[in-house]
Amino acid sequence: MTRQQFSESEIQAAWVGEAPKHSTTITLAEYDPEWPRLYEREAARIRAALGDRVLVLEHVGSTSVPGLAAKPIVDILLEVPDSDDEDAYVPALEAAGYRLVIREPDWEKHRLFKGPDTNINLHVHSPGNGQTERYRLFRDRLRGHPEELALYLAKKRELAAQVWEYVQNYADAKNEVIDEIIERARNA
């Protein structure tokens, strides 16, 4: 399920606390071979905190694609048995230093955490969500098809040069090209 463009009120409603305004361009960093190591460090920390409550844990997003420039934020996908059951996993993640910043129960039961000492986005979902397949198809398509990586990178650079009130607005603006690439991956 692709997200639609979020309004300011929807962005604010999803945040635990107030959504930070960005009000500038997006900074993209060239690919850093350190990103996979940072993911591995966070994955070990998450597994230690949650144990067998971890059903899926993967490095996703632009930092998981060698050669792709990205916001220097490591995206991590975590599936737990029921992401709506926050009592079952949030306290353990918070004890490990993670901070819940976004709660979207009506969109794929999504929760987002920031890391204790590494700039990450930890996306938490339940099994059967529509995002796990999308993350995998997109990541793997970019890894295996240089022309798709080039197309996406060009769109990211074009959009990053614009001023965005919220980072979510930039993310939403990429949906069209992401959907096109995922569709080609599904048809391949």
Protein backbone atom coordinates (compact mmCIF):
# COMPACT_ATOMS: atom_id res chain seq x y z
CA MET A 1 0.00 0.00 0.00
CA THR A 2 1.54 3.29 -1.12
CA ARG A 3 1.16 6.25 1.15
CA GLN A 4 -0.56 9.30 -0.22
CA GLN A 5 0.76 12.82 0.25
CA PHE A 6 0.40 13.66 3.93
CA SER A 7 -1.10 16.97 5.01
CA GLU A 8 0.50 18.99 7.79
CA SER A 9 -2.26 17.94 10.21
CA GLU A 10 -1.71 14.26 9.34
CA ILE A 11 2.05 14.61 9.84
CA GLN A 12 1.53 16.31 13.20
CA ALA A 13 -1.04 13.68 14.28
CA ALA A 14 1.40 10.82 13.59
CA TRP A 15 4.22 12.26 15.70
CA VAL A 16 4.61 11.47 19.36
CA GLY A 17 5.08 15.06 20.41
CA GLU A 18 5.44 17.72 17.75
CA ALA A 19 6.71 16.92 14.25
CA PRO A 20 9.94 18.79 13.60
CA LYS A 21 9.77 21.29 10.74
CA HIS A 22 12.55 21.00 8.20
CA SER A 23 12.00 24.14 6.05
CA THR A 24 15.08 23.66 3.89
CA THR A 25 16.57 21.38 1.23
CA ILE A 26 17.49 17.74 1.87
CA THR A 27 21.14 16.83 2.38
CA LEU A 28 22.18 13.69 0.52
CA ALA A 29 25.49 12.02 1.36
CA GLU A 30 27.40 9.87 -1.08
CA TYR A 31 27.18 6.15 -0.33
CA ASP A 32 29.13 5.27 2.80
CA PRO A 33 30.40 1.69 3.12
CA GLU A 34 30.05 2.18 6.89
CA TRP A 35 26.22 2.11 6.65
CA PRO A 36 25.94 -1.72 6.55
CA ARG A 37 28.20 -1.95 9.64
CA LEU A 38 26.01 0.57 11.45
CA TYR A 39 22.97 -1.53 10.53
CA GLU A 40 24.64 -4.68 11.90
CA ARG A 41 25.45 -2.93 15.18
CA GLU A 42 21.84 -1.76 15.54
CA ALA A 43 20.48 -5.18 14.54
CA ALA A 44 22.51 -6.83 17.31
CA ARG A 45 21.22 -4.27 19.81
CA ILE A 46 17.60 -4.76 18.70
CA ARG A 47 17.89 -8.56 18.82
CA ALA A 48 19.40 -8.34 22.31
CA ALA A 49 16.52 -6.13 23.46
CA LEU A 50 13.68 -8.10 21.86
CA GLY A 51 14.90 -11.67 21.49
CA ASP A 52 12.34 -13.93 19.83
CA ARG A 53 9.90 -11.03 19.38
CA VAL A 54 12.00 -10.14 16.30
CA LEU A 55 10.29 -11.82 13.34
CA VAL A 56 11.99 -9.85 10.55
CA LEU A 57 14.95 -7.49 10.83
CA GLU A 58 16.50 -6.09 7.65
CA HIS A 59 18.52 -3.15 6.37
CA VAL A 60 16.28 -1.31 3.91
CA GLY A 61 16.10 2.08 2.25
CA SER A 62 18.78 3.94 0.36
CA THR A 63 21.60 3.23 2.81
CA SER A 64 21.15 -0.49 2.04
CA VAL A 65 21.97 -0.01 -1.66
CA PRO A 66 25.70 0.22 -2.50
CA GLY A 67 26.45 3.24 -4.67
CA LEU A 68 23.25 5.14 -3.83
CA ALA A 69 23.47 8.58 -2.25
CA ALA A 70 21.15 8.96 0.71
CA LYS A 71 20.14 11.00 3.68
CA PRO A 72 22.68 9.60 6.17
CA ILE A 73 19.98 7.81 8.15
CA VAL A 74 20.04 4.00 8.28
CA ASP A 75 16.55 2.58 7.66
CA ILE A 76 15.75 -0.66 9.44
CA LEU A 77 12.65 -2.80 9.01
CA LEU A 78 11.47 -4.68 12.09
CA GLU A 79 8.47 -6.98 12.25
CA VAL A 80 7.14 -7.97 15.68
CA PRO A 81 4.12 -10.23 16.34
CA ASP A 82 1.76 -7.25 16.73
CA SER A 83 3.07 -3.70 16.40
CA ASP A 84 -0.18 -2.36 17.90
CA ASP A 85 0.69 -4.21 21.14
CA GLU A 86 3.23 -1.62 22.23
CA ASP A 87 3.50 -3.05 25.75
CA ALA A 88 5.10 -6.15 24.23
CA TYR A 89 8.11 -4.39 22.70
CA VAL A 90 8.25 -0.60 23.26
CA PRO A 91 9.54 -0.77 26.87
CA ALA A 92 12.36 -3.12 25.82
CA LEU A 93 13.36 -0.86 22.93
CA GLU A 94 13.18 2.23 25.15
CA ALA A 95 15.36 0.50 27.76
CA ALA A 96 17.92 -0.05 24.99
CA GLY A 97 17.82 3.68 24.20
CA TYR A 98 15.37 3.80 21.29
CA ARG A 99 12.74 6.56 21.22
CA LEU A 100 9.25 6.18 19.72
CA VAL A 101 8.63 9.23 17.51
CA ILE A 102 5.85 8.22 15.12
CA ARG A 103 2.72 6.16 15.72
CA GLU A 104 0.53 5.36 12.69
CA PRO A 105 -1.83 2.54 13.70
CA ASP A 106 -4.08 3.18 10.71
CA TRP A 107 -1.23 2.93 8.18
CA GLU A 108 0.11 -0.62 8.23
CA LYS A 109 0.29 -0.49 12.08
CA HIS A 110 3.51 1.51 11.60
CA ARG A 111 5.71 2.75 14.42
CA LEU A 112 8.99 4.62 13.98
CA PHE A 113 11.83 4.82 16.48
CA LYS A 114 15.03 6.85 16.48
CA GLY A 115 18.23 5.25 17.73
CA PRO A 116 20.17 5.90 20.88
CA ASP A 117 23.43 6.94 19.24
CA THR A 118 23.17 6.28 15.50
CA ASN A 119 20.94 8.21 13.12
CA ILE A 120 18.41 5.53 12.22
CA ASN A 121 14.77 5.13 11.33
CA LEU A 122 13.52 1.89 12.86
CA HIS A 123 10.25 1.07 11.07
CA VAL A 124 8.14 -1.40 13.06
CA HIS A 125 5.29 -3.37 11.48
CA SER A 126 3.28 -6.53 12.07
CA PRO A 127 3.36 -9.64 9.85
CA GLY A 128 1.24 -9.33 6.74
CA ASN A 129 1.84 -5.61 6.31
CA GLY A 130 2.23 -4.29 2.78
CA GLN A 131 5.57 -2.59 3.40
CA THR A 132 7.94 -5.53 3.92
CA GLU A 133 7.49 -6.74 0.34
CA ARG A 134 7.78 -3.18 -1.01
CA TYR A 135 11.01 -2.54 0.91
CA ARG A 136 12.54 -5.79 -0.34
CA LEU A 137 11.44 -5.44 -3.96
CA PHE A 138 12.68 -1.86 -4.14
CA ARG A 139 16.02 -2.51 -2.43
CA ASP A 140 16.75 -5.63 -4.45
CA ARG A 141 15.71 -4.02 -7.74
CA LEU A 142 18.08 -1.09 -7.14
CA ARG A 143 20.90 -3.44 -6.13
CA GLY A 144 20.54 -5.53 -9.28
CA HIS A 145 19.65 -2.92 -11.91
CA PRO A 146 22.06 0.00 -12.34
CA GLU A 147 19.62 1.81 -14.64
CA GLU A 148 16.96 1.80 -11.90
CA LEU A 149 19.50 3.05 -9.36
CA ALA A 150 20.48 5.88 -11.74
CA LEU A 151 16.83 6.80 -12.34
CA TYR A 152 16.05 6.89 -8.63
CA LEU A 153 19.22 8.79 -7.77
CA ALA A 154 18.44 11.46 -10.38
CA LYS A 155 14.92 11.90 -8.94
CA LYS A 156 16.29 12.05 -5.38
CA ARG A 157 18.83 14.73 -6.33
CA GLU A 158 16.14 16.75 -8.15
CA LEU A 159 13.77 16.60 -5.20
CA ALA A 160 16.47 17.10 -2.56
CA ALA A 161 17.32 20.48 -4.10
CA GLN A 162 13.83 21.76 -3.25
CA VAL A 163 12.80 23.27 0.08
CA TRP A 164 10.56 20.95 2.12
CA GLU A 165 8.51 21.99 5.14
CA TYR A 166 8.73 18.44 6.54
CA VAL A 167 11.07 15.61 5.56
CA GLN A 168 7.90 13.51 5.09
CA ASN A 169 6.95 15.80 2.17
CA TYR A 170 10.23 14.89 0.42
CA ALA A 171 9.60 11.19 1.11
CA ASP A 172 6.06 11.45 -0.27
CA ALA A 173 7.32 13.20 -3.43
CA LYS A 174 9.47 10.14 -4.26
CA ASN A 175 6.48 7.76 -4.23
CA GLU A 176 5.75 7.97 -7.96
CA VAL A 177 9.22 6.87 -9.07
CA ILE A 178 9.40 4.27 -6.28
CA ASP A 179 6.05 2.80 -7.35
CA GLU A 180 7.23 2.63 -10.98
CA ILE A 181 10.41 0.78 -10.00
CA ILE A 182 8.51 -1.64 -7.74
CA GLU A 183 6.02 -2.34 -10.50
CA ARG A 184 8.85 -3.25 -12.88
CA ALA A 185 10.34 -5.50 -10.16
CA ARG A 186 7.00 -7.27 -9.73
CA ASN A 187 6.68 -7.77 -13.49
CA ALA A 188 10.21 -9.10 -13.92
